[in-house]
Amino acid sequence: HPPRHRGSSLSPRNPEQKIIKRVIALEGDIIKTIGYKKKYVKVPHGHIWVEGDHHGHSFDSNAFGPVSLGLLHARATHILWPPKRWQKLQPVLPPERKPLQREQE
């Protein structure tokens, strides 16, 4: 699998709203969820699992489940606002959020 990035996608609940979340898992990956209705989820074909950086306080896949790749809009590369947070985003997953199992290619 390629490195995970932050992506801009349309909100699954409100397609008029764009959200920026970290891609945690790709189709076929098994992820341990945080407060989702199932403790473990195998990401279905054509979907991704996205999470915000503030676990438990983020509107992300732990609230609405896997996201269709068709809703993925772009990849975030930098933080520009506020200026004190200006930085290039690195494609890094927090170690505790790595998928438990990956489907073999």
N, C-alpha and C. Protein backbone atom coordinates (compact mmCIF):
# COMPACT_ATOMS: atom_id res chain seq x y z
N HIS A 1 0.83 -1.19 0.00
CA HIS A 1 0.00 0.00 0.00
C HIS A 1 0.87 1.25 0.00
N PRO A 2 0.43 2.30 -0.68
CA PRO A 2 1.18 3.56 -0.65
C PRO A 2 1.04 4.23 0.71
N PRO A 3 1.91 5.23 1.01
CA PRO A 3 1.78 5.94 2.29
C PRO A 3 0.42 6.62 2.38
N ARG A 4 -0.07 6.76 3.61
CA ARG A 4 -1.37 7.40 3.83
C ARG A 4 -1.19 8.91 3.83
N HIS A 5 -2.18 9.61 3.35
CA HIS A 5 -2.14 11.06 3.29
C HIS A 5 -3.41 11.62 3.91
N ARG A 6 -3.41 12.91 4.14
CA ARG A 6 -4.64 13.59 4.52
C ARG A 6 -5.35 13.94 3.24
N GLY A 7 -6.63 13.69 3.24
CA GLY A 7 -7.39 13.97 2.04
C GLY A 7 -8.56 14.88 2.34
N SER A 8 -8.96 15.60 1.33
CA SER A 8 -10.16 16.41 1.40
C SER A 8 -11.25 15.60 0.74
N SER A 9 -12.34 15.38 1.45
CA SER A 9 -13.44 14.63 0.87
C SER A 9 -14.73 15.34 1.19
N LEU A 10 -15.75 14.91 0.48
CA LEU A 10 -17.08 15.42 0.78
C LEU A 10 -17.60 14.64 1.97
N SER A 11 -18.31 15.30 2.84
CA SER A 11 -18.86 14.64 4.02
C SER A 11 -19.90 13.62 3.59
N PRO A 12 -19.81 12.38 4.10
CA PRO A 12 -20.82 11.37 3.75
C PRO A 12 -22.24 11.78 4.18
N ARG A 13 -22.34 12.60 5.21
CA ARG A 13 -23.67 13.02 5.69
C ARG A 13 -24.18 14.26 5.00
N ASN A 14 -23.26 15.12 4.54
CA ASN A 14 -23.65 16.37 3.89
C ASN A 14 -22.69 16.64 2.74
N PRO A 15 -23.05 16.24 1.50
CA PRO A 15 -22.15 16.39 0.37
C PRO A 15 -21.76 17.84 0.06
N GLU A 16 -22.46 18.82 0.63
CA GLU A 16 -22.09 20.21 0.43
C GLU A 16 -20.89 20.60 1.29
N GLN A 17 -20.60 19.81 2.31
CA GLN A 17 -19.53 20.11 3.26
C GLN A 17 -18.28 19.32 2.91
N LYS A 18 -17.13 19.98 2.91
CA LYS A 18 -15.86 19.30 2.72
C LYS A 18 -15.19 19.11 4.08
N ILE A 19 -14.55 17.96 4.26
CA ILE A 19 -13.84 17.67 5.50
C ILE A 19 -12.42 17.23 5.15
N ILE A 20 -11.47 17.51 6.04
CA ILE A 20 -10.10 17.06 5.83
C ILE A 20 -9.75 16.09 6.94
N LYS A 21 -9.40 14.87 6.55
CA LYS A 21 -9.11 13.80 7.50
C LYS A 21 -7.90 13.00 7.03
N ARG A 22 -7.27 12.32 7.97
CA ARG A 22 -6.15 11.43 7.66
C ARG A 22 -6.71 10.09 7.18
N VAL A 23 -6.17 9.58 6.07
CA VAL A 23 -6.55 8.25 5.58
C VAL A 23 -5.80 7.23 6.44
N ILE A 24 -6.57 6.44 7.20
CA ILE A 24 -5.99 5.47 8.13
C ILE A 24 -5.88 4.08 7.50
N ALA A 25 -6.88 3.69 6.70
CA ALA A 25 -6.89 2.35 6.12
C ALA A 25 -7.51 2.38 4.73
N LEU A 26 -7.04 1.46 3.90
CA LEU A 26 -7.54 1.32 2.53
C LEU A 26 -8.40 0.07 2.42
N GLU A 27 -9.05 -0.10 1.27
CA GLU A 27 -9.91 -1.26 1.07
C GLU A 27 -9.16 -2.55 1.39
N GLY A 28 -9.84 -3.46 2.09
CA GLY A 28 -9.24 -4.73 2.47
C GLY A 28 -8.53 -4.70 3.81
N ASP A 29 -8.16 -3.52 4.32
CA ASP A 29 -7.49 -3.42 5.62
C ASP A 29 -8.51 -3.68 6.74
N ILE A 30 -8.02 -4.23 7.84
CA ILE A 30 -8.84 -4.38 9.05
C ILE A 30 -8.35 -3.35 10.05
N ILE A 31 -9.28 -2.57 10.57
CA ILE A 31 -8.94 -1.48 11.49
C ILE A 31 -9.67 -1.66 12.81
N LYS A 32 -8.99 -1.38 13.92
CA LYS A 32 -9.65 -1.32 15.23
C LYS A 32 -10.23 0.08 15.36
N THR A 33 -11.53 0.16 15.56
CA THR A 33 -12.20 1.45 15.57
C THR A 33 -12.14 2.10 16.95
N ILE A 34 -12.53 3.37 16.99
CA ILE A 34 -12.59 4.11 18.25
C ILE A 34 -14.03 4.59 18.42
N GLY A 35 -14.85 3.81 19.13
CA GLY A 35 -16.22 4.23 19.40
C GLY A 35 -17.21 3.97 18.28
N TYR A 36 -16.81 3.27 17.22
CA TYR A 36 -17.74 2.93 16.14
C TYR A 36 -18.63 1.78 16.61
N LYS A 37 -19.74 1.53 15.91
CA LYS A 37 -20.68 0.48 16.33
C LYS A 37 -20.06 -0.92 16.32
N LYS A 38 -19.00 -1.12 15.53
CA LYS A 38 -18.26 -2.39 15.54
C LYS A 38 -16.84 -2.10 16.02
N LYS A 39 -16.28 -3.03 16.81
CA LYS A 39 -14.93 -2.82 17.34
C LYS A 39 -13.87 -2.94 16.24
N TYR A 40 -14.11 -3.84 15.27
CA TYR A 40 -13.20 -4.03 14.15
C TYR A 40 -13.99 -3.92 12.85
N VAL A 41 -13.36 -3.34 11.84
CA VAL A 41 -14.01 -3.19 10.54
C VAL A 41 -13.01 -3.58 9.46
N LYS A 42 -13.47 -4.40 8.51
CA LYS A 42 -12.70 -4.64 7.30
C LYS A 42 -13.22 -3.63 6.28
N VAL A 43 -12.33 -2.75 5.82
CA VAL A 43 -12.73 -1.69 4.90
C VAL A 43 -13.16 -2.33 3.58
N PRO A 44 -14.41 -2.07 3.16
CA PRO A 44 -14.91 -2.70 1.94
C PRO A 44 -14.24 -2.18 0.66
N HIS A 45 -14.38 -2.96 -0.40
CA HIS A 45 -13.87 -2.58 -1.71
C HIS A 45 -14.40 -1.20 -2.10
N GLY A 46 -13.51 -0.36 -2.62
CA GLY A 46 -13.92 0.97 -3.08
C GLY A 46 -14.11 1.99 -1.97
N HIS A 47 -13.59 1.69 -0.76
CA HIS A 47 -13.75 2.58 0.40
C HIS A 47 -12.42 2.81 1.10
N ILE A 48 -12.39 3.84 1.96
CA ILE A 48 -11.26 4.13 2.83
C ILE A 48 -11.79 4.41 4.24
N TRP A 49 -10.91 4.35 5.22
CA TRP A 49 -11.25 4.70 6.60
C TRP A 49 -10.50 5.98 6.94
N VAL A 50 -11.22 7.02 7.36
CA VAL A 50 -10.58 8.31 7.65
C VAL A 50 -10.80 8.70 9.10
N GLU A 51 -9.81 9.39 9.67
CA GLU A 51 -9.91 9.86 11.05
C GLU A 51 -9.29 11.23 11.20
N GLY A 52 -9.85 12.01 12.10
CA GLY A 52 -9.26 13.29 12.47
C GLY A 52 -8.16 13.06 13.50
N ASP A 53 -7.41 14.11 13.78
CA ASP A 53 -6.31 13.98 14.73
C ASP A 53 -6.75 14.03 16.19
N HIS A 54 -7.98 14.44 16.45
CA HIS A 54 -8.49 14.54 17.83
C HIS A 54 -9.44 13.38 18.09
N HIS A 55 -8.86 12.22 18.41
CA HIS A 55 -9.64 11.00 18.61
C HIS A 55 -10.74 11.21 19.65
N GLY A 56 -11.92 10.76 19.31
CA GLY A 56 -13.05 10.88 20.21
C GLY A 56 -13.77 12.22 20.09
N HIS A 57 -13.15 13.18 19.41
CA HIS A 57 -13.76 14.50 19.24
C HIS A 57 -13.77 14.92 17.78
N SER A 58 -13.78 13.92 16.89
CA SER A 58 -13.68 14.21 15.47
C SER A 58 -14.82 13.56 14.71
N PHE A 59 -15.39 14.27 13.75
CA PHE A 59 -16.43 13.73 12.89
C PHE A 59 -15.73 12.98 11.76
N ASP A 60 -15.59 11.66 11.93
CA ASP A 60 -14.79 10.87 11.00
C ASP A 60 -15.40 9.48 10.83
N SER A 61 -14.65 8.53 10.29
CA SER A 61 -15.18 7.19 10.05
C SER A 61 -15.66 6.51 11.33
N ASN A 62 -15.14 6.90 12.48
CA ASN A 62 -15.64 6.33 13.73
C ASN A 62 -17.07 6.76 14.00
N ALA A 63 -17.52 7.82 13.34
CA ALA A 63 -18.92 8.27 13.45
C ALA A 63 -19.76 7.75 12.30
N PHE A 64 -19.20 7.78 11.06
CA PHE A 64 -20.02 7.44 9.90
C PHE A 64 -19.56 6.23 9.11
N GLY A 65 -18.50 5.56 9.52
CA GLY A 65 -18.07 4.34 8.84
C GLY A 65 -17.15 4.59 7.66
N PRO A 66 -16.89 3.53 6.88
CA PRO A 66 -16.01 3.66 5.72
C PRO A 66 -16.57 4.69 4.72
N VAL A 67 -15.67 5.37 4.02
CA VAL A 67 -16.05 6.41 3.07
C VAL A 67 -15.78 5.92 1.65
N SER A 68 -16.75 6.10 0.77
CA SER A 68 -16.59 5.73 -0.63
C SER A 68 -15.47 6.54 -1.27
N LEU A 69 -14.63 5.87 -2.06
CA LEU A 69 -13.56 6.56 -2.77
C LEU A 69 -14.12 7.64 -3.69
N GLY A 70 -15.37 7.48 -4.11
CA GLY A 70 -16.01 8.48 -4.97
C GLY A 70 -16.18 9.82 -4.28
N LEU A 71 -16.14 9.85 -2.94
CA LEU A 71 -16.26 11.10 -2.20
C LEU A 71 -14.91 11.78 -1.98
N LEU A 72 -13.81 11.05 -2.25
CA LEU A 72 -12.49 11.63 -2.06
C LEU A 72 -12.27 12.70 -3.12
N HIS A 73 -11.85 13.86 -2.68
CA HIS A 73 -11.80 15.02 -3.56
C HIS A 73 -10.37 15.46 -3.88
N ALA A 74 -9.48 15.47 -2.91
CA ALA A 74 -8.13 15.98 -3.10
C ALA A 74 -7.23 15.49 -1.97
N ARG A 75 -5.94 15.81 -2.07
CA ARG A 75 -4.99 15.47 -1.01
C ARG A 75 -4.43 16.76 -0.43
N ALA A 76 -4.50 16.87 0.89
CA ALA A 76 -3.94 18.05 1.57
C ALA A 76 -2.43 17.89 1.65
N THR A 77 -1.69 18.95 1.34
CA THR A 77 -0.23 18.89 1.37
C THR A 77 0.39 19.81 2.40
N HIS A 78 -0.34 20.88 2.81
CA HIS A 78 0.20 21.86 3.75
C HIS A 78 -0.89 22.39 4.68
N ILE A 79 -0.47 22.84 5.85
CA ILE A 79 -1.34 23.63 6.73
C ILE A 79 -0.92 25.08 6.53
N LEU A 80 -1.87 25.93 6.18
CA LEU A 80 -1.56 27.34 5.91
C LEU A 80 -2.11 28.29 6.96
N TRP A 81 -3.12 27.84 7.73
CA TRP A 81 -3.75 28.73 8.69
C TRP A 81 -3.99 28.00 9.99
N PRO A 82 -3.74 28.55 11.10
CA PRO A 82 -3.13 29.87 11.30
C PRO A 82 -1.65 29.85 10.92
N PRO A 83 -1.09 31.02 10.63
CA PRO A 83 0.31 31.08 10.17
C PRO A 83 1.31 30.39 11.10
N LYS A 84 1.06 30.39 12.39
CA LYS A 84 2.02 29.74 13.30
C LYS A 84 2.05 28.23 13.12
N ARG A 85 1.02 27.66 12.46
CA ARG A 85 0.98 26.21 12.22
C ARG A 85 1.42 25.85 10.81
N TRP A 86 1.92 26.83 10.01
CA TRP A 86 2.29 26.57 8.63
C TRP A 86 3.30 25.43 8.59
N GLN A 87 2.99 24.40 7.79
CA GLN A 87 3.90 23.27 7.64
C GLN A 87 3.48 22.41 6.47
N LYS A 88 4.45 21.63 5.98
CA LYS A 88 4.15 20.62 4.99
C LYS A 88 3.67 19.39 5.74
N LEU A 89 2.59 18.78 5.28
CA LEU A 89 2.06 17.58 5.93
C LEU A 89 2.84 16.36 5.47
N GLN A 90 3.20 15.52 6.42
CA GLN A 90 3.94 14.30 6.13
C GLN A 90 2.97 13.11 6.08
N PRO A 91 3.18 12.17 5.14
CA PRO A 91 2.29 11.00 5.05
C PRO A 91 2.66 9.95 6.11
N VAL A 92 2.33 10.27 7.37
CA VAL A 92 2.70 9.41 8.49
C VAL A 92 1.44 9.03 9.26
N LEU A 93 1.37 7.76 9.63
CA LEU A 93 0.27 7.28 10.47
C LEU A 93 0.74 7.22 11.91
N PRO A 94 -0.09 7.66 12.86
CA PRO A 94 0.28 7.43 14.26
C PRO A 94 0.40 5.91 14.46
N PRO A 95 1.45 5.43 15.15
CA PRO A 95 1.68 3.98 15.28
C PRO A 95 0.47 3.22 15.83
N GLU A 96 -0.28 3.85 16.73
CA GLU A 96 -1.42 3.14 17.33
C GLU A 96 -2.62 3.07 16.39
N ARG A 97 -2.57 3.71 15.25
CA ARG A 97 -3.70 3.71 14.30
C ARG A 97 -3.42 2.92 13.03
N LYS A 98 -2.33 2.16 13.00
CA LYS A 98 -2.04 1.36 11.80
C LYS A 98 -3.05 0.22 11.70
N PRO A 99 -3.43 -0.16 10.46
CA PRO A 99 -4.34 -1.30 10.30
C PRO A 99 -3.77 -2.56 10.94
N LEU A 100 -4.66 -3.40 11.44
CA LEU A 100 -4.25 -4.65 12.10
C LEU A 100 -3.83 -5.68 11.08
N GLN A 101 -4.46 -5.64 9.90
CA GLN A 101 -4.17 -6.62 8.87
C GLN A 101 -4.37 -5.97 7.53
N ARG A 102 -3.50 -6.32 6.60
CA ARG A 102 -3.61 -5.80 5.24
C ARG A 102 -3.90 -6.96 4.30
N GLU A 103 -4.75 -6.72 3.32
CA GLU A 103 -4.99 -7.72 2.30
C GLU A 103 -3.75 -7.80 1.44
N GLN A 104 -3.34 -9.01 1.09
CA GLN A 104 -2.16 -9.19 0.25
C GLN A 104 -2.48 -8.78 -1.19
N GLU A 105 -1.52 -8.13 -1.83
CA GLU A 105 -1.76 -7.65 -3.20
C GLU A 105 -1.46 -8.75 -4.19
